[in-house]
Amino acid sequence: MKKISNFALLMLKYSIMAKKELSYNEAFSRLQEIQDLIEGNKLDVDELSLVLKEAAGLLKTCKDKLFVVNEETQKILQNIQ
């Protein structure tokens, strides 16, 4: 039986996550996993390139969700005044 590499597992997880809209917490958790992989020097150059592309998409997801929450908060605060 062939052993599955950590990178193969990483990409499998990414492909599953990419097929659904992630919550902020899911995206942020994934970013933390990626940070751990990078800081632990667990990726080669080719893997790093793919993971950084994933991280960029996750950062956009987080940023977009934070923007929406900020806009909604501003509307609520304006209605209170």
PDB file of N, CA and C in Angstrom:
ATOM      1  N   MET A   1       0.836  -1.178   0.000  1.00  0.00           N
ATOM      2  CA  MET A   1       0.000   0.000   0.000  1.00  0.00           C
ATOM      3  C   MET A   1       0.886   1.248   0.000  1.00  0.00           C
ATOM      4  N   LYS A   2       0.604   2.166  -0.905  1.00  0.00           N
ATOM      5  CA  LYS A   2       1.410   3.377  -1.033  1.00  0.00           C
ATOM      6  C   LYS A   2       0.998   4.403   0.013  1.00  0.00           C
ATOM      7  N   LYS A   3       1.978   4.989   0.666  1.00  0.00           N
ATOM      8  CA  LYS A   3       1.732   6.012   1.670  1.00  0.00           C
ATOM      9  C   LYS A   3       1.400   7.337   0.978  1.00  0.00           C
ATOM     10  N   ILE A   4       0.385   8.018   1.476  1.00  0.00           N
ATOM     11  CA  ILE A   4      -0.003   9.314   0.925  1.00  0.00           C
ATOM     12  C   ILE A   4       0.839  10.386   1.605  1.00  0.00           C
ATOM     13  N   SER A   5       1.453  11.251   0.813  1.00  0.00           N
ATOM     14  CA  SER A   5       2.300  12.306   1.367  1.00  0.00           C
ATOM     15  C   SER A   5       1.443  13.362   2.059  1.00  0.00           C
ATOM     16  N   ASN A   6       2.081  14.110   2.938  1.00  0.00           N
ATOM     17  CA  ASN A   6       1.387  15.215   3.612  1.00  0.00           C
ATOM     18  C   ASN A   6       0.863  16.220   2.600  1.00  0.00           C
ATOM     19  N   PHE A   7       1.652  16.432   1.551  1.00  0.00           N
ATOM     20  CA  PHE A   7       1.221  17.393   0.538  1.00  0.00           C
ATOM     21  C   PHE A   7      -0.015  16.899  -0.196  1.00  0.00           C
ATOM     22  N   ALA A   8      -0.079  15.612  -0.489  1.00  0.00           N
ATOM     23  CA  ALA A   8      -1.257  15.062  -1.155  1.00  0.00           C
ATOM     24  C   ALA A   8      -2.490  15.233  -0.276  1.00  0.00           C
ATOM     25  N   LEU A   9      -2.330  15.009   1.001  1.00  0.00           N
ATOM     26  CA  LEU A   9      -3.446  15.217   1.930  1.00  0.00           C
ATOM     27  C   LEU A   9      -3.848  16.689   1.986  1.00  0.00           C
ATOM     28  N   LEU A  10      -2.851  17.547   1.969  1.00  0.00           N
ATOM     29  CA  LEU A  10      -3.088  18.984   1.977  1.00  0.00           C
ATOM     30  C   LEU A  10      -3.902  19.407   0.754  1.00  0.00           C
ATOM     31  N   MET A  11      -3.526  18.911  -0.402  1.00  0.00           N
ATOM     32  CA  MET A  11      -4.228  19.281  -1.634  1.00  0.00           C
ATOM     33  C   MET A  11      -5.627  18.668  -1.683  1.00  0.00           C
ATOM     34  N   LEU A  12      -5.796  17.474  -1.130  1.00  0.00           N
ATOM     35  CA  LEU A  12      -7.121  16.865  -1.065  1.00  0.00           C
ATOM     36  C   LEU A  12      -8.036  17.726  -0.204  1.00  0.00           C
ATOM     37  N   LYS A  13      -7.535  18.158   0.922  1.00  0.00           N
ATOM     38  CA  LYS A  13      -8.319  19.024   1.802  1.00  0.00           C
ATOM     39  C   LYS A  13      -8.667  20.328   1.089  1.00  0.00           C
ATOM     40  N   TYR A  14      -7.700  20.889   0.376  1.00  0.00           N
ATOM     41  CA  TYR A  14      -7.936  22.128  -0.358  1.00  0.00           C
ATOM     42  C   TYR A  14      -9.014  21.942  -1.408  1.00  0.00           C
ATOM     43  N   SER A  15      -8.972  20.839  -2.154  1.00  0.00           N
ATOM     44  CA  SER A  15      -9.959  20.629  -3.211  1.00  0.00           C
ATOM     45  C   SER A  15     -11.351  20.455  -2.633  1.00  0.00           C
ATOM     46  N   ILE A  16     -11.452  19.825  -1.470  1.00  0.00           N
ATOM     47  CA  ILE A  16     -12.758  19.672  -0.819  1.00  0.00           C
ATOM     48  C   ILE A  16     -13.261  21.030  -0.344  1.00  0.00           C
ATOM     49  N   MET A  17     -12.390  21.826   0.270  1.00  0.00           N
ATOM     50  CA  MET A  17     -12.784  23.132   0.792  1.00  0.00           C
ATOM     51  C   MET A  17     -13.123  24.105  -0.324  1.00  0.00           C
ATOM     52  N   ALA A  18     -12.465  23.972  -1.461  1.00  0.00           N
ATOM     53  CA  ALA A  18     -12.685  24.892  -2.569  1.00  0.00           C
ATOM     54  C   ALA A  18     -14.068  24.721  -3.184  1.00  0.00           C
ATOM     55  N   LYS A  19     -14.696  23.578  -2.955  1.00  0.00           N
ATOM     56  CA  LYS A  19     -15.988  23.304  -3.558  1.00  0.00           C
ATOM     57  C   LYS A  19     -17.157  23.870  -2.760  1.00  0.00           C
ATOM     58  N   LYS A  20     -16.898  24.410  -1.597  1.00  0.00           N
ATOM     59  CA  LYS A  20     -17.970  24.999  -0.811  1.00  0.00           C
ATOM     60  C   LYS A  20     -17.556  26.377  -0.341  1.00  0.00           C
ATOM     61  N   GLU A  21     -18.542  27.189  -0.025  1.00  0.00           N
ATOM     62  CA  GLU A  21     -18.232  28.511   0.505  1.00  0.00           C
ATOM     63  C   GLU A  21     -17.833  28.352   1.967  1.00  0.00           C
ATOM     64  N   LEU A  22     -16.680  28.859   2.289  1.00  0.00           N
ATOM     65  CA  LEU A  22     -16.153  28.709   3.637  1.00  0.00           C
ATOM     66  C   LEU A  22     -16.657  29.818   4.547  1.00  0.00           C
ATOM     67  N   SER A  23     -16.855  29.476   5.800  1.00  0.00           N
ATOM     68  CA  SER A  23     -17.128  30.499   6.795  1.00  0.00           C
ATOM     69  C   SER A  23     -15.819  31.226   7.085  1.00  0.00           C
ATOM     70  N   TYR A  24     -15.930  32.339   7.778  1.00  0.00           N
ATOM     71  CA  TYR A  24     -14.729  33.070   8.157  1.00  0.00           C
ATOM     72  C   TYR A  24     -13.824  32.179   9.004  1.00  0.00           C
ATOM     73  N   ASN A  25     -14.409  31.489   9.974  1.00  0.00           N
ATOM     74  CA  ASN A  25     -13.608  30.644  10.869  1.00  0.00           C
ATOM     75  C   ASN A  25     -12.915  29.505  10.128  1.00  0.00           C
ATOM     76  N   GLU A  26     -13.601  28.903   9.149  1.00  0.00           N
ATOM     77  CA  GLU A  26     -12.979  27.837   8.362  1.00  0.00           C
ATOM     78  C   GLU A  26     -11.794  28.362   7.563  1.00  0.00           C
ATOM     79  N   ALA A  27     -11.997  29.508   6.923  1.00  0.00           N
ATOM     80  CA  ALA A  27     -10.926  30.105   6.120  1.00  0.00           C
ATOM     81  C   ALA A  27      -9.745  30.495   7.006  1.00  0.00           C
ATOM     82  N   PHE A  28     -10.041  31.092   8.146  1.00  0.00           N
ATOM     83  CA  PHE A  28      -8.973  31.522   9.053  1.00  0.00           C
ATOM     84  C   PHE A  28      -8.209  30.321   9.611  1.00  0.00           C
ATOM     85  N   SER A  29      -8.925  29.254   9.952  1.00  0.00           N
ATOM     86  CA  SER A  29      -8.270  28.042  10.449  1.00  0.00           C
ATOM     87  C   SER A  29      -7.345  27.451   9.397  1.00  0.00           C
ATOM     88  N   ARG A  30      -7.814  27.460   8.160  1.00  0.00           N
ATOM     89  CA  ARG A  30      -6.992  26.931   7.071  1.00  0.00           C
ATOM     90  C   ARG A  30      -5.734  27.784   6.888  1.00  0.00           C
ATOM     91  N   LEU A  31      -5.889  29.097   7.005  1.00  0.00           N
ATOM     92  CA  LEU A  31      -4.731  29.988   6.916  1.00  0.00           C
ATOM     93  C   LEU A  31      -3.725  29.674   8.026  1.00  0.00           C
ATOM     94  N   GLN A  32      -4.206  29.367   9.210  1.00  0.00           N
ATOM     95  CA  GLN A  32      -3.309  29.006  10.302  1.00  0.00           C
ATOM     96  C   GLN A  32      -2.577  27.695  10.003  1.00  0.00           C
ATOM     97  N   GLU A  33      -3.271  26.735   9.403  1.00  0.00           N
ATOM     98  CA  GLU A  33      -2.624  25.481   9.007  1.00  0.00           C
ATOM     99  C   GLU A  33      -1.514  25.744   7.993  1.00  0.00           C
ATOM    100  N   ILE A  34      -1.820  26.604   7.031  1.00  0.00           N
ATOM    101  CA  ILE A  34      -0.836  26.947   6.005  1.00  0.00           C
ATOM    102  C   ILE A  34       0.362  27.643   6.647  1.00  0.00           C
ATOM    103  N   GLN A  35       0.105  28.545   7.577  1.00  0.00           N
ATOM    104  CA  GLN A  35       1.189  29.226   8.278  1.00  0.00           C
ATOM    105  C   GLN A  35       2.087  28.222   8.987  1.00  0.00           C
ATOM    106  N   ASP A  36       1.489  27.248   9.645  1.00  0.00           N
ATOM    107  CA  ASP A  36       2.272  26.219  10.342  1.00  0.00           C
ATOM    108  C   ASP A  36       3.142  25.427   9.366  1.00  0.00           C
ATOM    109  N   LEU A  37       2.579  25.095   8.204  1.00  0.00           N
ATOM    110  CA  LEU A  37       3.347  24.358   7.197  1.00  0.00           C
ATOM    111  C   LEU A  37       4.540  25.173   6.700  1.00  0.00           C
ATOM    112  N   ILE A  38       4.294  26.441   6.458  1.00  0.00           N
ATOM    113  CA  ILE A  38       5.360  27.308   5.944  1.00  0.00           C
ATOM    114  C   ILE A  38       6.432  27.516   7.010  1.00  0.00           C
ATOM    115  N   GLU A  39       6.004  27.838   8.226  1.00  0.00           N
ATOM    116  CA  GLU A  39       6.974  28.086   9.295  1.00  0.00           C
ATOM    117  C   GLU A  39       7.739  26.825   9.679  1.00  0.00           C
ATOM    118  N   GLY A  40       7.131  25.663   9.469  1.00  0.00           N
ATOM    119  CA  GLY A  40       7.798  24.414   9.794  1.00  0.00           C
ATOM    120  C   GLY A  40       8.672  23.885   8.679  1.00  0.00           C
ATOM    121  N   ASN A  41       8.791  24.661   7.595  1.00  0.00           N
ATOM    122  CA  ASN A  41       9.596  24.253   6.437  1.00  0.00           C
ATOM    123  C   ASN A  41       9.210  22.862   5.947  1.00  0.00           C
ATOM    124  N   LYS A  42       7.907  22.611   5.889  1.00  0.00           N
ATOM    125  CA  LYS A  42       7.411  21.292   5.510  1.00  0.00           C
ATOM    126  C   LYS A  42       7.039  21.187   4.034  1.00  0.00           C
ATOM    127  N   LEU A  43       7.296  22.231   3.276  1.00  0.00           N
ATOM    128  CA  LEU A  43       6.913  22.260   1.866  1.00  0.00           C
ATOM    129  C   LEU A  43       8.122  22.512   0.993  1.00  0.00           C
ATOM    130  N   ASP A  44       8.135  21.869  -0.184  1.00  0.00           N
ATOM    131  CA  ASP A  44       9.181  22.211  -1.145  1.00  0.00           C
ATOM    132  C   ASP A  44       8.690  23.394  -1.975  1.00  0.00           C
ATOM    133  N   VAL A  45       9.504  23.866  -2.875  1.00  0.00           N
ATOM    134  CA  VAL A  45       9.196  25.080  -3.627  1.00  0.00           C
ATOM    135  C   VAL A  45       7.903  24.942  -4.437  1.00  0.00           C
ATOM    136  N   ASP A  46       7.708  23.806  -5.086  1.00  0.00           N
ATOM    137  CA  ASP A  46       6.499  23.615  -5.896  1.00  0.00           C
ATOM    138  C   ASP A  46       5.248  23.594  -5.021  1.00  0.00           C
ATOM    139  N   GLU A  47       5.348  22.935  -3.888  1.00  0.00           N
ATOM    140  CA  GLU A  47       4.221  22.879  -2.967  1.00  0.00           C
ATOM    141  C   GLU A  47       3.939  24.266  -2.399  1.00  0.00           C
ATOM    142  N   LEU A  48       4.983  24.987  -2.082  1.00  0.00           N
ATOM    143  CA  LEU A  48       4.842  26.325  -1.523  1.00  0.00           C
ATOM    144  C   LEU A  48       4.076  27.237  -2.463  1.00  0.00           C
ATOM    145  N   SER A  49       4.377  27.159  -3.740  1.00  0.00           N
ATOM    146  CA  SER A  49       3.687  27.982  -4.726  1.00  0.00           C
ATOM    147  C   SER A  49       2.185  27.711  -4.724  1.00  0.00           C
ATOM    148  N   LEU A  50       1.800  26.454  -4.708  1.00  0.00           N
ATOM    149  CA  LEU A  50       0.381  26.098  -4.695  1.00  0.00           C
ATOM    150  C   LEU A  50      -0.304  26.536  -3.406  1.00  0.00           C
ATOM    151  N   VAL A  51       0.376  26.351  -2.300  1.00  0.00           N
ATOM    152  CA  VAL A  51      -0.201  26.706  -1.008  1.00  0.00           C
ATOM    153  C   VAL A  51      -0.357  28.224  -0.886  1.00  0.00           C
ATOM    154  N   LEU A  52       0.585  28.971  -1.415  1.00  0.00           N
ATOM    155  CA  LEU A  52       0.471  30.431  -1.378  1.00  0.00           C
ATOM    156  C   LEU A  52      -0.705  30.920  -2.215  1.00  0.00           C
ATOM    157  N   LYS A  53      -0.977  30.254  -3.322  1.00  0.00           N
ATOM    158  CA  LYS A  53      -2.157  30.605  -4.129  1.00  0.00           C
ATOM    159  C   LYS A  53      -3.435  30.341  -3.343  1.00  0.00           C
ATOM    160  N   GLU A  54      -3.463  29.215  -2.644  1.00  0.00           N
ATOM    161  CA  GLU A  54      -4.621  28.913  -1.801  1.00  0.00           C
ATOM    162  C   GLU A  54      -4.769  29.977  -0.715  1.00  0.00           C
ATOM    163  N   ALA A  55      -3.663  30.341  -0.076  1.00  0.00           N
ATOM    164  CA  ALA A  55      -3.692  31.332   0.994  1.00  0.00           C
ATOM    165  C   ALA A  55      -4.220  32.671   0.497  1.00  0.00           C
ATOM    166  N   ALA A  56      -3.848  33.047  -0.712  1.00  0.00           N
ATOM    167  CA  ALA A  56      -4.332  34.308  -1.278  1.00  0.00           C
ATOM    168  C   ALA A  56      -5.855  34.292  -1.406  1.00  0.00           C
ATOM    169  N   GLY A  57      -6.398  33.180  -1.861  1.00  0.00           N
ATOM    170  CA  GLY A  57      -7.856  33.059  -1.972  1.00  0.00           C
ATOM    171  C   GLY A  57      -8.525  33.086  -0.608  1.00  0.00           C
ATOM    172  N   LEU A  58      -7.916  32.441   0.367  1.00  0.00           N
ATOM    173  CA  LEU A  58      -8.472  32.435   1.721  1.00  0.00           C
ATOM    174  C   LEU A  58      -8.431  33.828   2.339  1.00  0.00           C
ATOM    175  N   LEU A  59      -7.345  34.564   2.089  1.00  0.00           N
ATOM    176  CA  LEU A  59      -7.256  35.939   2.590  1.00  0.00           C
ATOM    177  C   LEU A  59      -8.343  36.817   1.988  1.00  0.00           C
ATOM    178  N   LYS A  60      -8.611  36.628   0.710  1.00  0.00           N
ATOM    179  CA  LYS A  60      -9.686  37.392   0.058  1.00  0.00           C
ATOM    180  C   LYS A  60     -11.035  37.045   0.676  1.00  0.00           C
ATOM    181  N   THR A  61     -11.267  35.777   0.932  1.00  0.00           N
ATOM    182  CA  THR A  61     -12.518  35.356   1.569  1.00  0.00           C
ATOM    183  C   THR A  61     -12.678  36.039   2.921  1.00  0.00           C
ATOM    184  N   CYS A  62     -11.631  36.006   3.740  1.00  0.00           N
ATOM    185  CA  CYS A  62     -11.687  36.639   5.058  1.00  0.00           C
ATOM    186  C   CYS A  62     -11.914  38.141   4.940  1.00  0.00           C
ATOM    187  N   LYS A  63     -11.187  38.780   4.049  1.00  0.00           N
ATOM    188  CA  LYS A  63     -11.318  40.227   3.859  1.00  0.00           C
ATOM    189  C   LYS A  63     -12.731  40.590   3.425  1.00  0.00           C
ATOM    190  N   ASP A  64     -13.284  39.850   2.475  1.00  0.00           N
ATOM    191  CA  ASP A  64     -14.636  40.129   1.992  1.00  0.00           C
ATOM    192  C   ASP A  64     -15.663  39.978   3.107  1.00  0.00           C
ATOM    193  N   LYS A  65     -15.525  38.928   3.908  1.00  0.00           N
ATOM    194  CA  LYS A  65     -16.472  38.705   4.996  1.00  0.00           C
ATOM    195  C   LYS A  65     -16.355  39.797   6.054  1.00  0.00           C
ATOM    196  N   LEU A  66     -15.139  40.228   6.373  1.00  0.00           N
ATOM    197  CA  LEU A  66     -14.954  41.309   7.331  1.00  0.00           C
ATOM    198  C   LEU A  66     -15.537  42.620   6.801  1.00  0.00           C
ATOM    199  N   PHE A  67     -15.403  42.856   5.509  1.00  0.00           N
ATOM    200  CA  PHE A  67     -15.957  44.061   4.908  1.00  0.00           C
ATOM    201  C   PHE A  67     -17.474  44.077   5.057  1.00  0.00           C
ATOM    202  N   VAL A  68     -18.120  42.948   4.793  1.00  0.00           N
ATOM    203  CA  VAL A  68     -19.580  42.862   4.914  1.00  0.00           C
ATOM    204  C   VAL A  68     -20.013  43.113   6.354  1.00  0.00           C
ATOM    205  N   VAL A  69     -19.323  42.505   7.303  1.00  0.00           N
ATOM    206  CA  VAL A  69     -19.662  42.700   8.718  1.00  0.00           C
ATOM    207  C   VAL A  69     -19.474  44.165   9.107  1.00  0.00           C
ATOM    208  N   ASN A  70     -18.420  44.784   8.642  1.00  0.00           N
ATOM    209  CA  ASN A  70     -18.187  46.197   8.929  1.00  0.00           C
ATOM    210  C   ASN A  70     -19.311  47.062   8.373  1.00  0.00           C
ATOM    211  N   GLU A  71     -19.702  46.806   7.144  1.00  0.00           N
ATOM    212  CA  GLU A  71     -20.785  47.575   6.530  1.00  0.00           C
ATOM    213  C   GLU A  71     -22.089  47.408   7.318  1.00  0.00           C
ATOM    214  N   GLU A  72     -22.400  46.176   7.694  1.00  0.00           N
ATOM    215  CA  GLU A  72     -23.621  45.918   8.451  1.00  0.00           C
ATOM    216  C   GLU A  72     -23.568  46.591   9.819  1.00  0.00           C
ATOM    217  N   THR A  73     -22.406  46.574  10.452  1.00  0.00           N
ATOM    218  CA  THR A  73     -22.248  47.212  11.757  1.00  0.00           C
ATOM    219  C   THR A  73     -22.442  48.718  11.636  1.00  0.00           C
ATOM    220  N   GLN A  74     -21.886  49.309  10.599  1.00  0.00           N
ATOM    221  CA  GLN A  74     -22.048  50.747  10.393  1.00  0.00           C
ATOM    222  C   GLN A  74     -23.517  51.115  10.196  1.00  0.00           C
ATOM    223  N   LYS A  75     -24.261  50.324   9.458  1.00  0.00           N
ATOM    224  CA  LYS A  75     -25.692  50.574   9.241  1.00  0.00           C
ATOM    225  C   LYS A  75     -26.460  50.476  10.548  1.00  0.00           C
ATOM    226  N   ILE A  76     -26.145  49.485  11.351  1.00  0.00           N
ATOM    227  CA  ILE A  76     -26.820  49.316  12.641  1.00  0.00           C
ATOM    228  C   ILE A  76     -26.525  50.511  13.541  1.00  0.00           C
ATOM    229  N   LEU A  77     -25.277  50.915  13.583  1.00  0.00           N
ATOM    230  CA  LEU A  77     -24.907  52.064  14.439  1.00  0.00           C
ATOM    231  C   LEU A  77     -25.547  53.349  13.959  1.00  0.00           C
ATOM    232  N   GLN A  78     -25.698  53.524  12.667  1.00  0.00           N
ATOM    233  CA  GLN A  78     -26.359  54.735  12.150  1.00  0.00           C
ATOM    234  C   GLN A  78     -27.832  54.751  12.527  1.00  0.00           C
ATOM    235  N   ASN A  79     -28.469  53.589  12.553  1.00  0.00           N
ATOM    236  CA  ASN A  79     -29.886  53.515  12.925  1.00  0.00           C
ATOM    237  C   ASN A  79     -30.111  53.777  14.401  1.00  0.00           C
ATOM    238  N   ILE A  80     -29.106  53.552  15.219  1.00  0.00           N
ATOM    239  CA  ILE A  80     -29.214  53.771  16.652  1.00  0.00           C
ATOM    240  C   ILE A  80     -29.154  55.260  16.970  1.00  0.00           C
ATOM    241  N   GLN A  81     -28.376  55.988  16.218  1.00  0.00           N
ATOM    242  CA  GLN A  81     -28.160  57.420  16.504  1.00  0.00           C
ATOM    243  C   GLN A  81     -29.347  58.260  16.169  1.00  0.00           C
TER     244      GLN A  81
END
